[in-house]
C-alpha atoms as a PDB file:
ATOM      1  CA  MET A   1     -14.398  34.816  45.214  1.00  0.00           C
ATOM      2  CA  ALA A   2     -11.744  32.638  43.687  1.00  0.00           C
ATOM      3  CA  THR A   3      -8.393  34.095  42.867  1.00  0.00           C
ATOM      4  CA  ALA A   4      -5.965  33.143  40.169  1.00  0.00           C
ATOM      5  CA  ASP A   5      -4.424  29.753  40.938  1.00  0.00           C
ATOM      6  CA  ALA A   6      -0.809  30.248  42.020  1.00  0.00           C
ATOM      7  CA  SER A   7      -0.014  26.563  42.472  1.00  0.00           C
ATOM      8  CA  THR A   8       2.479  24.735  40.319  1.00  0.00           C
ATOM      9  CA  PRO A   9       1.464  22.272  37.595  1.00  0.00           C
ATOM     10  CA  GLU A  10       2.806  19.458  39.781  1.00  0.00           C
ATOM     11  CA  GLN A  11       0.584  20.518  42.694  1.00  0.00           C
ATOM     12  CA  ARG A  12      -2.485  20.735  40.446  1.00  0.00           C
ATOM     13  CA  ALA A  13      -1.716  17.310  38.935  1.00  0.00           C
ATOM     14  CA  HIS A  14      -1.277  15.834  42.413  1.00  0.00           C
ATOM     15  CA  LYS A  15      -4.619  17.318  43.492  1.00  0.00           C
ATOM     16  CA  ARG A  16      -6.392  15.878  40.410  1.00  0.00           C
ATOM     17  CA  ALA A  17      -4.824  12.449  40.985  1.00  0.00           C
ATOM     18  CA  LYS A  18      -5.814  12.479  44.661  1.00  0.00           C
ATOM     19  CA  SER A  19      -9.361  13.515  43.748  1.00  0.00           C
ATOM     20  CA  TYR A  20      -9.552  10.667  41.209  1.00  0.00           C
ATOM     21  CA  THR A  21      -8.298   8.020  43.617  1.00  0.00           C
ATOM     22  CA  SER A  22     -10.698   9.311  46.285  1.00  0.00           C
ATOM     23  CA  LEU A  23     -13.586   8.862  43.857  1.00  0.00           C
ATOM     24  CA  LEU A  24     -12.415   5.354  42.951  1.00  0.00           C
ATOM     25  CA  TRP A  25     -12.232   4.404  46.629  1.00  0.00           C
ATOM     26  CA  HIS A  26     -15.750   5.757  47.174  1.00  0.00           C
ATOM     27  CA  ILE A  27     -17.080   3.700  44.250  1.00  0.00           C
ATOM     28  CA  GLY A  28     -15.259   0.563  45.417  1.00  0.00           C
ATOM     29  CA  VAL A  29     -16.473   0.847  49.006  1.00  0.00           C
ATOM     30  CA  PHE A  30     -20.001   1.536  47.741  1.00  0.00           C
ATOM     31  CA  ILE A  31     -20.003  -1.651  45.657  1.00  0.00           C
ATOM     32  CA  VAL A  32     -18.474  -3.902  48.323  1.00  0.00           C
ATOM     33  CA  ILE A  33     -20.524  -2.669  51.294  1.00  0.00           C
ATOM     34  CA  ASN A  34     -23.807  -2.471  49.407  1.00  0.00           C
ATOM     35  CA  GLY A  35     -23.242  -5.929  47.917  1.00  0.00           C
ATOM     36  CA  PHE A  36     -22.684  -7.302  51.419  1.00  0.00           C
ATOM     37  CA  LEU A  37     -25.797  -5.525  52.739  1.00  0.00           C
ATOM     38  CA  TRP A  38     -27.975  -6.864  49.905  1.00  0.00           C
ATOM     39  CA  ILE A  39     -26.740 -10.412  50.515  1.00  0.00           C
ATOM     40  CA  LEU A  40     -27.277 -10.001  54.267  1.00  0.00           C
ATOM     41  CA  ASP A  41     -30.779  -8.643  53.667  1.00  0.00           C
ATOM     42  CA  LEU A  42     -31.613 -11.559  51.361  1.00  0.00           C
ATOM     43  CA  ILE A  43     -30.334 -14.133  53.848  1.00  0.00           C
ATOM     44  CA  THR A  44     -31.993 -12.659  56.951  1.00  0.00           C
ATOM     45  CA  GLY A  45     -35.211 -11.349  55.430  1.00  0.00           C
ATOM     46  CA  GLN A  46     -38.217 -13.639  55.372  1.00  0.00           C
ATOM     47  CA  GLU A  47     -39.741 -12.054  52.271  1.00  0.00           C
ATOM     48  CA  GLY A  48     -36.689 -11.026  50.258  1.00  0.00           C
ATOM     49  CA  ILE A  49     -35.208  -7.546  50.262  1.00  0.00           C
ATOM     50  CA  GLN A  50     -36.460  -5.534  53.244  1.00  0.00           C
ATOM     51  CA  TRP A  51     -34.134  -2.582  53.842  1.00  0.00           C
ATOM     52  CA  ALA A  52     -30.937  -2.743  51.765  1.00  0.00           C
ATOM     53  CA  TYR A  53     -32.345  -0.677  48.900  1.00  0.00           C
ATOM     54  CA  TRP A  54     -32.791   2.340  51.198  1.00  0.00           C
ATOM     55  CA  ILE A  55     -29.101   2.401  52.004  1.00  0.00           C
ATOM     56  CA  THR A  56     -28.196   1.937  48.342  1.00  0.00           C
ATOM     57  CA  ILE A  57     -30.520   4.745  47.229  1.00  0.00           C
ATOM     58  CA  PHE A  58     -29.265   7.359  49.685  1.00  0.00           C
ATOM     59  CA  TRP A  59     -25.625   6.346  49.388  1.00  0.00           C
ATOM     60  CA  GLY A  60     -26.031   6.280  45.593  1.00  0.00           C
ATOM     61  CA  VAL A  61     -27.257   9.883  45.657  1.00  0.00           C
ATOM     62  CA  ALA A  62     -24.218  10.873  47.728  1.00  0.00           C
ATOM     63  CA  LEU A  63     -21.960   9.006  45.297  1.00  0.00           C
ATOM     64  CA  ALA A  64     -23.610  10.801  42.371  1.00  0.00           C
ATOM     65  CA  PHE A  65     -22.806  14.139  44.019  1.00  0.00           C
ATOM     66  CA  HIS A  66     -19.203  13.001  44.463  1.00  0.00           C
ATOM     67  CA  VAL A  67     -18.999  12.115  40.752  1.00  0.00           C
ATOM     68  CA  VAL A  68     -20.469  15.482  39.738  1.00  0.00           C
ATOM     69  CA  ALA A  69     -18.074  17.327  42.066  1.00  0.00           C
ATOM     70  CA  TYR A  70     -15.152  15.437  40.519  1.00  0.00           C
ATOM     71  CA  LEU A  71     -16.268  16.160  36.954  1.00  0.00           C
ATOM     72  CA  VAL A  72     -17.033  19.834  37.562  1.00  0.00           C
ATOM     73  CA  GLY A  73     -13.906  20.417  39.651  1.00  0.00           C
ATOM     74  CA  ASP A  74     -11.566  18.916  37.079  1.00  0.00           C
ATOM     75  CA  SER A  75     -13.150  20.703  34.160  1.00  0.00           C
ATOM     76  CA  GLY A  76     -12.166  24.110  35.516  1.00  0.00           C
ATOM     77  CA  VAL A  77     -15.701  25.500  35.550  1.00  0.00           C
ATOM     78  CA  GLU A  78     -14.991  27.676  38.590  1.00  0.00           C
ATOM     79  CA  GLN A  79     -11.819  29.106  37.054  1.00  0.00           C
ATOM     80  CA  ARG A  80     -13.555  29.881  33.729  1.00  0.00           C
ATOM     81  CA  LYS A  81     -16.459  31.594  35.522  1.00  0.00           C
ATOM     82  CA  TYR A  82     -13.962  33.612  37.569  1.00  0.00           C
ATOM     83  CA  GLN A  83     -12.149  34.747  34.424  1.00  0.00           C
ATOM     84  CA  GLN A  84     -15.479  35.611  32.754  1.00  0.00           C
ATOM     85  CA  ALA A  85     -16.676  37.630  35.766  1.00  0.00           C
ATOM     86  CA  LEU A  86     -13.316  39.396  35.999  1.00  0.00           C
ATOM     87  CA  ALA A  87     -13.463  40.359  32.314  1.00  0.00           C
ATOM     88  CA  GLU A  88     -17.023  41.683  32.757  1.00  0.00           C
ATOM     89  CA  GLU A  89     -15.982  43.749  35.779  1.00  0.00           C
ATOM     90  CA  LYS A  90     -13.057  45.233  33.842  1.00  0.00           C
ATOM     91  CA  GLN A  91     -15.382  46.182  30.979  1.00  0.00           C
ATOM     92  CA  GLN A  92     -17.782  47.939  33.339  1.00  0.00           C
ATOM     93  CA  GLN A  93     -15.091  50.049  35.030  1.00  0.00           C
ATOM     94  CA  PRO A  94     -14.497  53.474  33.485  1.00  0.00           C
ATOM     95  CA  ASP A  95     -10.970  54.115  32.299  1.00  0.00           C
ATOM     96  CA  ASP A  96      -9.165  56.330  34.821  1.00  0.00           C
ATOM     97  CA  VAL A  97      -6.302  57.551  32.666  1.00  0.00           C
END
């Protein structure tokens, strides 16, 4: 289970910035490579698009998961759930005083 985050604000900000730039790179590479593949498929295919959409679909699903991971990770969902579970556990424990 997650523990309280002991990192500094600078470390957390650096991690968020790195996560953001990683997502931007993923989106950029997705657009460039898939654009090239669609053009290649149009040029080489006798009847239009033959295979490029399969790559775009599966890679798009992976990119969607990356976006969701970025949004959920930066919103602190895991930390809030940890705090909620910790508070519930403390309420359930009998006072040993």
